[in-house]
Amino acid sequence: ILVLFFYKLLKSVSRSVAILMVVLVLVAVPI
């Protein structure tokens, strides 16, 4: 939930970097 809210806050800066941020968290979670 946290990273999705950060995506909402920061995607206007760089959508591609914001997506990378989300992906890294979504990799960590199942591990």
PDB file of all heavy atoms in Angstrom:
ATOM      1  N   ILE A   1       0.841  -1.204   0.000  1.00  0.00           N
ATOM      2  CA  ILE A   1       0.000   0.000   0.000  1.00  0.00           C
ATOM      3  C   ILE A   1       0.872   1.248   0.000  1.00  0.00           C
ATOM      4  O   ILE A   1       0.598   2.219  -0.709  1.00  0.00           O
ATOM      5  CB  ILE A   1      -0.940  -0.014   1.216  1.00  0.00           C
ATOM      6  CG1 ILE A   1      -1.809  -1.272   1.195  1.00  0.00           C
ATOM      7  CG2 ILE A   1      -1.819   1.234   1.232  1.00  0.00           C
ATOM      8  CD1 ILE A   1      -2.609  -1.491   2.461  1.00  0.00           C
ATOM      9  N   LEU A   2       1.940   1.215   0.796  1.00  0.00           N
ATOM     10  CA  LEU A   2       2.821   2.373   0.921  1.00  0.00           C
ATOM     11  C   LEU A   2       3.432   2.765  -0.413  1.00  0.00           C
ATOM     12  O   LEU A   2       3.415   3.943  -0.798  1.00  0.00           O
ATOM     13  CB  LEU A   2       3.934   2.068   1.924  1.00  0.00           C
ATOM     14  CG  LEU A   2       5.048   3.118   2.066  1.00  0.00           C
ATOM     15  CD1 LEU A   2       4.486   4.412   2.642  1.00  0.00           C
ATOM     16  CD2 LEU A   2       6.184   2.582   2.945  1.00  0.00           C
ATOM     17  N   VAL A   3       3.977   1.800  -1.140  1.00  0.00           N
ATOM     18  CA  VAL A   3       4.663   2.140  -2.389  1.00  0.00           C
ATOM     19  C   VAL A   3       3.670   2.639  -3.436  1.00  0.00           C
ATOM     20  O   VAL A   3       4.020   3.483  -4.277  1.00  0.00           O
ATOM     21  CB  VAL A   3       5.467   0.929  -2.909  1.00  0.00           C
ATOM     22  CG1 VAL A   3       4.575  -0.115  -3.572  1.00  0.00           C
ATOM     23  CG2 VAL A   3       6.543   1.398  -3.887  1.00  0.00           C
ATOM     24  N   LEU A   4       2.429   2.175  -3.399  1.00  0.00           N
ATOM     25  CA  LEU A   4       1.426   2.678  -4.329  1.00  0.00           C
ATOM     26  C   LEU A   4       1.069   4.131  -4.023  1.00  0.00           C
ATOM     27  O   LEU A   4       0.816   4.928  -4.938  1.00  0.00           O
ATOM     28  CB  LEU A   4       0.176   1.798  -4.285  1.00  0.00           C
ATOM     29  CG  LEU A   4       0.371   0.366  -4.807  1.00  0.00           C
ATOM     30  CD1 LEU A   4      -0.918  -0.431  -4.662  1.00  0.00           C
ATOM     31  CD2 LEU A   4       0.835   0.376  -6.268  1.00  0.00           C
ATOM     32  N   PHE A   5       1.058   4.481  -2.746  1.00  0.00           N
ATOM     33  CA  PHE A   5       0.814   5.881  -2.384  1.00  0.00           C
ATOM     34  C   PHE A   5       2.003   6.760  -2.771  1.00  0.00           C
ATOM     35  O   PHE A   5       1.824   7.894  -3.214  1.00  0.00           O
ATOM     36  CB  PHE A   5       0.514   6.001  -0.890  1.00  0.00           C
ATOM     37  CG  PHE A   5      -0.940   5.826  -0.554  1.00  0.00           C
ATOM     38  CD1 PHE A   5      -1.474   4.569  -0.340  1.00  0.00           C
ATOM     39  CD2 PHE A   5      -1.784   6.914  -0.476  1.00  0.00           C
ATOM     40  CE1 PHE A   5      -2.810   4.398  -0.042  1.00  0.00           C
ATOM     41  CE2 PHE A   5      -3.121   6.774  -0.184  1.00  0.00           C
ATOM     42  CZ  PHE A   5      -3.640   5.497   0.031  1.00  0.00           C
ATOM     43  N   PHE A   6       3.228   6.227  -2.602  1.00  0.00           N
ATOM     44  CA  PHE A   6       4.395   6.983  -3.060  1.00  0.00           C
ATOM     45  C   PHE A   6       4.356   7.164  -4.580  1.00  0.00           C
ATOM     46  O   PHE A   6       4.767   8.204  -5.092  1.00  0.00           O
ATOM     47  CB  PHE A   6       5.686   6.270  -2.651  1.00  0.00           C
ATOM     48  CG  PHE A   6       6.245   6.729  -1.336  1.00  0.00           C
ATOM     49  CD1 PHE A   6       6.518   5.815  -0.326  1.00  0.00           C
ATOM     50  CD2 PHE A   6       6.500   8.077  -1.100  1.00  0.00           C
ATOM     51  CE1 PHE A   6       7.038   6.234   0.892  1.00  0.00           C
ATOM     52  CE2 PHE A   6       7.014   8.507   0.120  1.00  0.00           C
ATOM     53  CZ  PHE A   6       7.283   7.584   1.114  1.00  0.00           C
ATOM     54  N   TYR A   7       3.886   6.156  -5.287  1.00  0.00           N
ATOM     55  CA  TYR A   7       3.753   6.267  -6.742  1.00  0.00           C
ATOM     56  C   TYR A   7       2.802   7.416  -7.095  1.00  0.00           C
ATOM     57  O   TYR A   7       3.088   8.216  -7.994  1.00  0.00           O
ATOM     58  CB  TYR A   7       3.243   4.947  -7.324  1.00  0.00           C
ATOM     59  CG  TYR A   7       3.047   4.993  -8.820  1.00  0.00           C
ATOM     60  CD1 TYR A   7       4.126   4.820  -9.687  1.00  0.00           C
ATOM     61  CD2 TYR A   7       1.792   5.218  -9.375  1.00  0.00           C
ATOM     62  CE1 TYR A   7       3.953   4.874 -11.067  1.00  0.00           C
ATOM     63  CE2 TYR A   7       1.598   5.270 -10.743  1.00  0.00           C
ATOM     64  CZ  TYR A   7       2.687   5.097 -11.590  1.00  0.00           C
ATOM     65  OH  TYR A   7       2.516   5.160 -12.949  1.00  0.00           O
ATOM     66  N   LYS A   8       1.693   7.485  -6.381  1.00  0.00           N
ATOM     67  CA  LYS A   8       0.733   8.564  -6.614  1.00  0.00           C
ATOM     68  C   LYS A   8       1.377   9.929  -6.354  1.00  0.00           C
ATOM     69  O   LYS A   8       1.166  10.888  -7.115  1.00  0.00           O
ATOM     70  CB  LYS A   8      -0.480   8.365  -5.697  1.00  0.00           C
ATOM     71  CG  LYS A   8      -1.495   9.509  -5.698  1.00  0.00           C
ATOM     72  CD  LYS A   8      -2.214   9.619  -7.012  1.00  0.00           C
ATOM     73  CE  LYS A   8      -3.310  10.686  -6.946  1.00  0.00           C
ATOM     74  NZ  LYS A   8      -3.975  10.876  -8.256  1.00  0.00           N
ATOM     75  N   LEU A   9       2.185  10.015  -5.304  1.00  0.00           N
ATOM     76  CA  LEU A   9       2.815  11.283  -4.945  1.00  0.00           C
ATOM     77  C   LEU A   9       3.894  11.711  -5.929  1.00  0.00           C
ATOM     78  O   LEU A   9       4.075  12.909  -6.172  1.00  0.00           O
ATOM     79  CB  LEU A   9       3.444  11.175  -3.543  1.00  0.00           C
ATOM     80  CG  LEU A   9       2.542  11.326  -2.325  1.00  0.00           C
ATOM     81  CD1 LEU A   9       3.348  11.065  -1.060  1.00  0.00           C
ATOM     82  CD2 LEU A   9       1.912  12.712  -2.278  1.00  0.00           C
ATOM     83  N   LEU A  10       4.620  10.749  -6.510  1.00  0.00           N
ATOM     84  CA  LEU A  10       5.872  11.072  -7.189  1.00  0.00           C
ATOM     85  C   LEU A  10       5.907  10.725  -8.675  1.00  0.00           C
ATOM     86  O   LEU A  10       6.909  10.999  -9.337  1.00  0.00           O
ATOM     87  CB  LEU A  10       7.029  10.352  -6.479  1.00  0.00           C
ATOM     88  CG  LEU A  10       7.264  10.785  -5.029  1.00  0.00           C
ATOM     89  CD1 LEU A  10       8.148   9.782  -4.294  1.00  0.00           C
ATOM     90  CD2 LEU A  10       7.892  12.174  -4.985  1.00  0.00           C
ATOM     91  N   LYS A  11       4.858  10.142  -9.218  1.00  0.00           N
ATOM     92  CA  LYS A  11       4.902   9.718 -10.616  1.00  0.00           C
ATOM     93  C   LYS A  11       5.057  10.891 -11.581  1.00  0.00           C
ATOM     94  O   LYS A  11       5.567  10.719 -12.691  1.00  0.00           O
ATOM     95  CB  LYS A  11       3.650   8.927 -10.966  1.00  0.00           C
ATOM     96  CG  LYS A  11       2.355   9.731 -10.907  1.00  0.00           C
ATOM     97  CD  LYS A  11       1.159   8.866 -11.281  1.00  0.00           C
ATOM     98  CE  LYS A  11      -0.135   9.687 -11.207  1.00  0.00           C
ATOM     99  NZ  LYS A  11      -1.315   8.875 -11.594  1.00  0.00           N
ATOM    100  N   SER A  12       4.667  12.089 -11.167  1.00  0.00           N
ATOM    101  CA  SER A  12       4.799  13.248 -12.053  1.00  0.00           C
ATOM    102  C   SER A  12       6.257  13.634 -12.268  1.00  0.00           C
ATOM    103  O   SER A  12       6.591  14.294 -13.248  1.00  0.00           O
ATOM    104  CB  SER A  12       4.036  14.449 -11.483  1.00  0.00           C
ATOM    105  OG  SER A  12       4.573  14.847 -10.229  1.00  0.00           O
ATOM    106  N   VAL A  13       7.151  13.218 -11.365  1.00  0.00           N
ATOM    107  CA  VAL A  13       8.572  13.530 -11.509  1.00  0.00           C
ATOM    108  C   VAL A  13       9.173  12.678 -12.622  1.00  0.00           C
ATOM    109  O   VAL A  13       9.858  13.185 -13.521  1.00  0.00           O
ATOM    110  CB  VAL A  13       9.325  13.273 -10.185  1.00  0.00           C
ATOM    111  CG1 VAL A  13      10.812  13.603 -10.338  1.00  0.00           C
ATOM    112  CG2 VAL A  13       8.707  14.082  -9.058  1.00  0.00           C
ATOM    113  N   SER A  14       8.932  11.375 -12.561  1.00  0.00           N
ATOM    114  CA  SER A  14       9.381  10.444 -13.596  1.00  0.00           C
ATOM    115  C   SER A  14       8.584   9.163 -13.443  1.00  0.00           C
ATOM    116  O   SER A  14       8.775   8.423 -12.473  1.00  0.00           O
ATOM    117  CB  SER A  14      10.880  10.152 -13.472  1.00  0.00           C
ATOM    118  OG  SER A  14      11.261   9.099 -14.339  1.00  0.00           O
ATOM    119  N   ARG A  15       7.711   8.918 -14.394  1.00  0.00           N
ATOM    120  CA  ARG A  15       6.864   7.729 -14.295  1.00  0.00           C
ATOM    121  C   ARG A  15       7.690   6.446 -14.343  1.00  0.00           C
ATOM    122  O   ARG A  15       7.416   5.488 -13.627  1.00  0.00           O
ATOM    123  CB  ARG A  15       5.822   7.732 -15.418  1.00  0.00           C
ATOM    124  CG  ARG A  15       4.748   6.657 -15.256  1.00  0.00           C
ATOM    125  CD  ARG A  15       3.721   6.751 -16.377  1.00  0.00           C
ATOM    126  NE  ARG A  15       3.017   8.017 -16.333  1.00  0.00           N
ATOM    127  CZ  ARG A  15       1.891   8.224 -15.657  1.00  0.00           C
ATOM    128  NH1 ARG A  15       1.369   7.233 -14.955  1.00  0.00           N
ATOM    129  NH2 ARG A  15       1.292   9.394 -15.682  1.00  0.00           N
ATOM    130  N   SER A  16       8.727   6.432 -15.173  1.00  0.00           N
ATOM    131  CA  SER A  16       9.539   5.218 -15.311  1.00  0.00           C
ATOM    132  C   SER A  16      10.294   4.902 -14.019  1.00  0.00           C
ATOM    133  O   SER A  16      10.372   3.744 -13.602  1.00  0.00           O
ATOM    134  CB  SER A  16      10.522   5.357 -16.476  1.00  0.00           C
ATOM    135  OG  SER A  16      11.390   6.460 -16.278  1.00  0.00           O
ATOM    136  N   VAL A  17      10.844   5.920 -13.369  1.00  0.00           N
ATOM    137  CA  VAL A  17      11.557   5.702 -12.102  1.00  0.00           C
ATOM    138  C   VAL A  17      10.562   5.303 -11.010  1.00  0.00           C
ATOM    139  O   VAL A  17      10.863   4.453 -10.164  1.00  0.00           O
ATOM    140  CB  VAL A  17      12.347   6.963 -11.694  1.00  0.00           C
ATOM    141  CG1 VAL A  17      13.003   6.764 -10.324  1.00  0.00           C
ATOM    142  CG2 VAL A  17      13.405   7.285 -12.735  1.00  0.00           C
ATOM    143  N   ALA A  18       9.380   5.898 -11.031  1.00  0.00           N
ATOM    144  CA  ALA A  18       8.353   5.551 -10.045  1.00  0.00           C
ATOM    145  C   ALA A  18       7.911   4.091 -10.221  1.00  0.00           C
ATOM    146  O   ALA A  18       7.680   3.387  -9.232  1.00  0.00           O
ATOM    147  CB  ALA A  18       7.160   6.480 -10.172  1.00  0.00           C
ATOM    148  N   ILE A  19       7.816   3.634 -11.459  1.00  0.00           N
ATOM    149  CA  ILE A  19       7.464   2.231 -11.711  1.00  0.00           C
ATOM    150  C   ILE A  19       8.566   1.313 -11.198  1.00  0.00           C
ATOM    151  O   ILE A  19       8.292   0.263 -10.601  1.00  0.00           O
ATOM    152  CB  ILE A  19       7.220   2.005 -13.221  1.00  0.00           C
ATOM    153  CG1 ILE A  19       5.925   2.701 -13.645  1.00  0.00           C
ATOM    154  CG2 ILE A  19       7.155   0.514 -13.541  1.00  0.00           C
ATOM    155  CD1 ILE A  19       5.671   2.678 -15.133  1.00  0.00           C
ATOM    156  N   LEU A  20       9.834   1.703 -11.423  1.00  0.00           N
ATOM    157  CA  LEU A  20      10.958   0.917 -10.902  1.00  0.00           C
ATOM    158  C   LEU A  20      10.863   0.793  -9.387  1.00  0.00           C
ATOM    159  O   LEU A  20      11.094  -0.289  -8.822  1.00  0.00           O
ATOM    160  CB  LEU A  20      12.283   1.568 -11.298  1.00  0.00           C
ATOM    161  CG  LEU A  20      13.549   0.951 -10.696  1.00  0.00           C
ATOM    162  CD1 LEU A  20      13.702  -0.497 -11.142  1.00  0.00           C
ATOM    163  CD2 LEU A  20      14.772   1.773 -11.075  1.00  0.00           C
ATOM    164  N   MET A  21      10.523   1.881  -8.726  1.00  0.00           N
ATOM    165  CA  MET A  21      10.367   1.879  -7.269  1.00  0.00           C
ATOM    166  C   MET A  21       9.310   0.858  -6.847  1.00  0.00           C
ATOM    167  O   MET A  21       9.532   0.057  -5.924  1.00  0.00           O
ATOM    168  CB  MET A  21       9.967   3.277  -6.800  1.00  0.00           C
ATOM    169  CG  MET A  21       9.606   3.393  -5.333  1.00  0.00           C
ATOM    170  SD  MET A  21       9.016   5.066  -4.913  1.00  0.00           S
ATOM    171  CE  MET A  21       7.464   5.123  -5.844  1.00  0.00           C
ATOM    172  N   VAL A  22       8.183   0.855  -7.544  1.00  0.00           N
ATOM    173  CA  VAL A  22       7.102  -0.081  -7.224  1.00  0.00           C
ATOM    174  C   VAL A  22       7.544  -1.519  -7.462  1.00  0.00           C
ATOM    175  O   VAL A  22       7.306  -2.409  -6.631  1.00  0.00           O
ATOM    176  CB  VAL A  22       5.845   0.240  -8.061  1.00  0.00           C
ATOM    177  CG1 VAL A  22       4.777  -0.842  -7.849  1.00  0.00           C
ATOM    178  CG2 VAL A  22       5.284   1.606  -7.693  1.00  0.00           C
ATOM    179  N   VAL A  23       8.218  -1.761  -8.583  1.00  0.00           N
ATOM    180  CA  VAL A  23       8.655  -3.120  -8.930  1.00  0.00           C
ATOM    181  C   VAL A  23       9.602  -3.675  -7.869  1.00  0.00           C
ATOM    182  O   VAL A  23       9.495  -4.839  -7.457  1.00  0.00           O
ATOM    183  CB  VAL A  23       9.326  -3.139 -10.312  1.00  0.00           C
ATOM    184  CG1 VAL A  23      10.043  -4.468 -10.553  1.00  0.00           C
ATOM    185  CG2 VAL A  23       8.295  -2.890 -11.405  1.00  0.00           C
ATOM    186  N   LEU A  24      10.540  -2.851  -7.391  1.00  0.00           N
ATOM    187  CA  LEU A  24      11.503  -3.317  -6.387  1.00  0.00           C
ATOM    188  C   LEU A  24      10.808  -3.735  -5.092  1.00  0.00           C
ATOM    189  O   LEU A  24      11.184  -4.722  -4.464  1.00  0.00           O
ATOM    190  CB  LEU A  24      12.541  -2.226  -6.112  1.00  0.00           C
ATOM    191  CG  LEU A  24      13.535  -1.972  -7.244  1.00  0.00           C
ATOM    192  CD1 LEU A  24      14.366  -0.723  -6.966  1.00  0.00           C
ATOM    193  CD2 LEU A  24      14.446  -3.183  -7.450  1.00  0.00           C
ATOM    194  N   VAL A  25       9.786  -2.993  -4.707  1.00  0.00           N
ATOM    195  CA  VAL A  25       9.032  -3.376  -3.508  1.00  0.00           C
ATOM    196  C   VAL A  25       8.248  -4.660  -3.762  1.00  0.00           C
ATOM    197  O   VAL A  25       8.210  -5.564  -2.915  1.00  0.00           O
ATOM    198  CB  VAL A  25       8.083  -2.246  -3.075  1.00  0.00           C
ATOM    199  CG1 VAL A  25       7.109  -2.740  -2.001  1.00  0.00           C
ATOM    200  CG2 VAL A  25       8.869  -1.061  -2.541  1.00  0.00           C
ATOM    201  N   LEU A  26       7.637  -4.765  -4.947  1.00  0.00           N
ATOM    202  CA  LEU A  26       6.831  -5.941  -5.249  1.00  0.00           C
ATOM    203  C   LEU A  26       7.682  -7.198  -5.414  1.00  0.00           C
ATOM    204  O   LEU A  26       7.167  -8.318  -5.325  1.00  0.00           O
ATOM    205  CB  LEU A  26       5.998  -5.696  -6.509  1.00  0.00           C
ATOM    206  CG  LEU A  26       4.926  -4.606  -6.380  1.00  0.00           C
ATOM    207  CD1 LEU A  26       4.119  -4.503  -7.658  1.00  0.00           C
ATOM    208  CD2 LEU A  26       4.020  -4.853  -5.181  1.00  0.00           C
ATOM    209  N   VAL A  27       8.975  -7.031  -5.656  1.00  0.00           N
ATOM    210  CA  VAL A  27       9.891  -8.179  -5.650  1.00  0.00           C
ATOM    211  C   VAL A  27      10.213  -8.577  -4.207  1.00  0.00           C
ATOM    212  O   VAL A  27      10.280  -9.767  -3.873  1.00  0.00           O
ATOM    213  CB  VAL A  27      11.185  -7.856  -6.417  1.00  0.00           C
ATOM    214  CG1 VAL A  27      12.229  -8.950  -6.212  1.00  0.00           C
ATOM    215  CG2 VAL A  27      10.896  -7.695  -7.909  1.00  0.00           C
ATOM    216  N   ALA A  28      10.403  -7.594  -3.352  1.00  0.00           N
ATOM    217  CA  ALA A  28      10.770  -7.864  -1.957  1.00  0.00           C
ATOM    218  C   ALA A  28       9.652  -8.553  -1.187  1.00  0.00           C
ATOM    219  O   ALA A  28       9.909  -9.425  -0.359  1.00  0.00           O
ATOM    220  CB  ALA A  28      11.147  -6.559  -1.261  1.00  0.00           C
ATOM    221  N   VAL A  29       8.413  -8.165  -1.469  1.00  0.00           N
ATOM    222  CA  VAL A  29       7.283  -8.652  -0.668  1.00  0.00           C
ATOM    223  C   VAL A  29       7.138 -10.176  -0.685  1.00  0.00           C
ATOM    224  O   VAL A  29       7.076 -10.798   0.388  1.00  0.00           O
ATOM    225  CB  VAL A  29       5.978  -7.959  -1.108  1.00  0.00           C
ATOM    226  CG1 VAL A  29       4.758  -8.689  -0.545  1.00  0.00           C
ATOM    227  CG2 VAL A  29       5.968  -6.506  -0.649  1.00  0.00           C
ATOM    228  N   PRO A  30       7.081 -10.833  -1.850  1.00  0.00           N
ATOM    229  CA  PRO A  30       6.937 -12.301  -1.809  1.00  0.00           C
ATOM    230  C   PRO A  30       8.131 -13.012  -1.184  1.00  0.00           C
ATOM    231  O   PRO A  30       7.969 -14.058  -0.550  1.00  0.00           O
ATOM    232  CB  PRO A  30       6.765 -12.685  -3.288  1.00  0.00           C
ATOM    233  CG  PRO A  30       7.315 -11.536  -4.057  1.00  0.00           C
ATOM    234  CD  PRO A  30       7.047 -10.330  -3.233  1.00  0.00           C
ATOM    235  N   ILE A  31       9.336 -12.440  -1.350  1.00  0.00           N
ATOM    236  CA  ILE A  31      10.521 -13.040  -0.716  1.00  0.00           C
ATOM    237  C   ILE A  31      10.348 -13.030   0.799  1.00  0.00           C
ATOM    238  O   ILE A  31      10.549 -14.046   1.479  1.00  0.00           O
ATOM    239  CB  ILE A  31      11.798 -12.274  -1.108  1.00  0.00           C
ATOM    240  CG1 ILE A  31      12.081 -12.430  -2.598  1.00  0.00           C
ATOM    241  CG2 ILE A  31      12.993 -12.770  -0.292  1.00  0.00           C
ATOM    242  CD1 ILE A  31      13.225 -11.563  -3.096  1.00  0.00           C
TER     243      ILE A  31
END
